[in-house]
Each structure stands twice: as structure tokens, then as C-alpha cells.
Protein backbone atom coordinates (compact mmCIF):
# COMPACT_ATOMS: atom_id res chain seq x y z
CA MET A 1 63.72 116.74 150.09
CA THR A 2 62.02 113.69 149.50
CA LYS A 3 63.74 113.25 145.82
CA SER A 4 67.43 114.28 147.84
CA THR A 5 66.50 111.42 150.35
CA LEU A 6 65.47 108.98 147.62
CA TYR A 7 68.78 110.23 146.12
CA ALA A 8 70.95 109.56 149.08
CA LYS A 9 69.37 106.49 149.79
CA TRP A 10 70.06 105.49 145.67
CA ILE A 11 73.46 106.44 146.15
CA SER A 12 74.48 105.08 149.85
CA LEU A 13 72.40 101.61 148.26
CA VAL A 14 74.39 101.35 144.88
CA PHE A 15 78.09 102.37 146.86
CA ALA A 16 77.12 99.61 149.22
CA ALA A 17 76.75 96.91 146.27
CA PHE A 18 79.88 98.47 144.69
CA PHE A 19 81.47 97.71 147.81
CA LEU A 20 80.29 94.22 148.69
CA ALA A 21 81.01 93.43 145.03
CA ALA A 22 84.66 94.37 145.54
CA CYS A 23 85.44 93.08 148.71
CA SER A 24 84.10 89.78 147.45
CA GLY A 25 86.02 89.73 144.06
CA ASN A 26 89.20 90.03 146.56
CA ASP A 27 87.88 86.77 148.26
CA THR A 28 88.21 85.01 145.27
CA LYS A 29 91.19 86.21 144.15
CA GLU A 30 92.70 85.35 147.64
CA ALA A 31 91.20 82.40 147.37
CA GLU A 32 92.40 81.81 143.89
CA ALA A 33 96.02 82.98 144.68
CA ALA A 34 95.71 80.28 147.39
CA ALA A 35 94.63 77.67 145.04
CA ALA A 36 97.55 78.20 142.72
CA ALA A 37 99.99 78.36 145.26
CA ALA A 38 98.74 74.73 146.69
CA GLU A 39 98.67 73.48 143.32
CA GLU A 40 102.59 74.45 142.61
CA GLN A 41 103.14 72.84 146.10
CA ALA A 42 101.60 70.28 145.03
CA ALA A 43 103.56 69.83 141.51
CA GLN A 44 106.90 70.61 143.58
CA GLU A 45 106.18 67.99 146.06
CA ALA A 46 104.95 65.41 143.06
CA ALA A 47 108.47 66.05 140.91
CA ALA A 48 110.83 65.84 144.46
CA GLU A 49 108.95 62.95 144.85
CA GLU A 50 109.42 61.64 141.48
CA ALA A 51 113.21 62.55 141.55
CA GLU A 52 113.60 60.85 144.63
CA GLN A 53 112.07 57.21 143.24
CA GLN A 54 113.85 57.87 140.41
CA ALA A 55 116.60 58.03 142.42
CA GLN A 56 116.00 54.85 144.08
CA VAL A 57 115.65 52.96 140.53
CA LYS A 58 119.10 54.36 139.48
CA ALA A 59 120.76 53.03 142.98
CA GLN A 60 119.08 49.53 143.09
CA GLN A 61 120.29 49.21 139.66
CA GLY A 62 123.71 50.46 141.23
CA ARG A 63 123.47 47.92 143.43
CA GLU A 64 122.46 45.17 140.89
CA ALA A 65 125.02 45.53 138.44
CA ALA A 66 127.71 45.70 141.54
CA ALA A 67 127.02 42.25 142.37
CA ALA A 68 126.55 40.94 138.58
CA ASP A 69 130.11 42.31 138.49
CA VAL A 70 131.08 40.41 141.20
CA GLY A 71 130.04 37.14 140.33
CA THR A 72 127.51 34.89 141.38
CA VAL A 73 130.01 32.10 142.59
CA PHE A 74 131.57 31.87 146.07
CA TYR A 75 134.48 29.51 146.56
CA PHE A 76 135.39 27.09 149.40
CA GLU A 77 138.77 25.92 150.54
CA PHE A 78 139.16 22.34 150.36
CA ASP A 79 136.47 20.66 152.82
CA SER A 80 135.68 24.29 154.24
CA SER A 81 132.19 25.47 154.62
CA SER A 82 133.41 28.73 156.32
CA LEU A 83 133.14 31.96 154.12
CA THR A 84 136.63 33.26 152.59
CA ASP A 85 136.96 37.40 153.08
CA ASP A 86 136.67 37.55 149.25
CA ALA A 87 133.51 35.56 149.74
CA ARG A 88 131.93 37.56 152.25
CA ALA A 89 133.39 40.51 149.82
CA GLN A 90 130.88 39.11 146.99
CA VAL A 91 127.86 38.06 148.89
CA ASP A 92 127.48 41.53 150.74
CA ALA A 93 127.27 42.90 147.56
CA HIS A 94 124.22 40.67 146.38
CA ILE A 95 122.90 41.61 149.85
CA GLN A 96 122.83 44.84 149.43
CA ALA A 97 120.93 44.31 145.78
CA LEU A 98 118.70 42.18 147.24
CA LEU A 99 117.56 44.15 149.92
CA GLY A 100 116.51 46.76 147.58
CA ASN A 101 114.34 44.41 146.19
CA ASN A 102 111.33 41.00 146.43
CA ASP A 103 113.44 38.40 144.69
CA SER A 104 114.19 35.15 146.00
CA VAL A 105 117.48 33.34 145.53
CA ARG A 106 118.52 29.78 145.44
CA LEU A 107 122.38 28.69 146.57
CA GLU A 108 123.82 25.12 145.31
CA GLY A 109 125.80 24.05 146.71
CA HIS A 110 128.66 21.55 145.48
CA THR A 111 132.17 20.14 146.34
CA ASP A 112 135.12 18.43 144.14
CA GLU A 113 135.11 14.94 143.90
CA ARG A 114 137.22 13.77 146.75
CA GLY A 115 134.99 11.83 149.54
CA THR A 116 132.01 9.67 149.80
CA ARG A 117 128.98 10.86 147.45
CA GLU A 118 127.10 10.97 151.37
CA TYR A 119 130.19 13.37 152.74
CA ASN A 120 129.65 15.93 149.78
CA LEU A 121 126.53 16.27 149.85
CA ALA A 122 126.58 16.84 153.31
CA LEU A 123 129.15 19.30 152.68
CA GLY A 124 127.25 21.01 149.75
CA GLU A 125 124.60 21.52 152.33
CA ARG A 126 126.73 22.90 154.79
CA ARG A 127 128.01 25.75 152.52
CA ALA A 128 125.00 26.48 151.18
CA ASN A 129 123.32 26.96 154.68
CA ALA A 130 126.82 29.15 155.14
CA VAL A 131 125.71 31.15 152.74
CA ARG A 132 122.28 31.68 153.79
CA ASP A 133 122.97 32.00 157.45
CA TYR A 134 125.47 35.06 156.63
CA MET A 135 122.77 36.42 154.31
CA VAL A 136 120.67 36.39 156.78
CA ALA A 137 122.83 37.47 159.63
CA ASN A 138 122.96 40.59 157.54
CA GLY A 139 119.30 41.14 157.00
CA LEU A 140 118.25 39.14 154.26
CA PRO A 141 114.29 37.49 155.00
CA SER A 142 115.20 33.59 155.18
CA TYR A 143 112.10 32.96 153.39
CA ARG A 144 113.33 34.42 150.17
CA ILE A 145 116.56 32.38 150.31
CA GLU A 146 116.34 28.34 149.03
CA THR A 147 119.55 26.09 149.49
CA ILE A 148 120.41 22.90 148.12
CA SER A 149 123.09 19.96 147.88
CA TYR A 150 124.72 18.65 144.91
CA GLY A 151 127.80 17.58 146.40
CA GLU A 152 130.21 16.41 143.62
CA GLU A 153 126.88 15.49 140.79
CA ASN A 154 128.01 18.91 138.43
CA PRO A 155 131.43 19.82 138.10
CA VAL A 156 132.81 22.67 136.34
CA ALA A 157 135.79 21.32 135.80
CA TYR A 158 136.70 17.97 135.27
CA GLY A 159 139.61 16.06 136.16
CA SER A 160 141.85 15.34 138.93
CA GLY A 161 143.95 18.43 139.71
CA GLU A 162 143.66 21.30 142.68
CA SER A 163 143.03 23.76 140.07
CA ASN A 164 139.94 21.37 138.84
CA TRP A 165 139.10 20.34 142.43
CA GLN A 166 139.28 24.56 143.19
CA GLN A 167 136.76 25.42 140.82
CA ASN A 168 134.43 22.50 142.03
CA ARG A 169 134.47 23.69 145.94
CA ARG A 170 131.58 26.67 145.21
CA VAL A 171 128.30 27.83 146.35
CA GLU A 172 126.45 28.91 143.53
CA LEU A 173 123.49 31.87 143.43
CA LYS A 174 120.53 31.63 141.45
């Protein structure tokens, strides 16, 4: 009877060891499966984030290309510092491009040759400030915008005549 009791104890001990080993193996397999699922989830999230960043970069490049297409010169009417509708549309394209990056800009105000030097410097400044104020009103921080007036000092078209004067009444975005 001692042998059968000893065998029974031995078998129950071996059975208990196998049972514990089998249970611990399931925990490890479940932990490994959970870790694999977590890694897959993290990889999917990283891929989604990467795709979103690429989409944002592509969108920013599109905005910058649109801004480049409309040009960097904004024209004004005679003796006026009010933005025309065409100029507003151009400035809007540049605002969208500038909101997507941290670049600073310089606005250079110009006038035609009519008027005194002092008056033209002031008019060029009012024109540059009008563009700056429009940009600030549409969300661009003012510390990123510098304005300067050249008055009649840097014409792009030489000569006396409305077509030449019209080309010189401008603000250039640099």
C-alpha cells in the first residue's frame, strides 16, 4: 500500500507539474499574442501618422506652388493704398502658404514718379502697410512681416506714360 500511495502521490505531483506548465504556457502565449497585437497597432498608427504628415507636406507644397503661380507683386490704383480685388486674391494665396510654415516676409512699397519724393515714400509705406494689415487680419503674425518703402526710387518700368506708371505702383513680397 505504501508503494501505491507513493505512486499516487508521484503521479499527482507529475500531473500538477504538467498542469502548471501548461497553464503558464498559455499565459506566455497570450502575452506574446497581446504584444504582437500591440506592435501591429503601433505600426498601423505610425503608418497612419506618416501618411498624414506626407499629406500635410504635399498640401503645403500645393499652397506654396499656388502662391508662386499668382506672383509676388501686388498692383495699386493711382494715388491709392487700397488693395484691389486681384491683389487680395494674390495675397490670400500667399497667406495660406505662409500659415503653413514659419517664414518671414518683407513687403516693399513702390510708387510711380508722379508726386514729391516725400509723398511717394509715404504712399509706398501706406501700400506696404495695407498689405501687412490685410495679412495680419487674416491670421499671419505681424512679427513675421517687415515693411519698407522705396517710393519712386526703384522703378521696374522707365518712362512717362500710364503703362509705365501702372507697373511701378506696386508692393513686392520678398
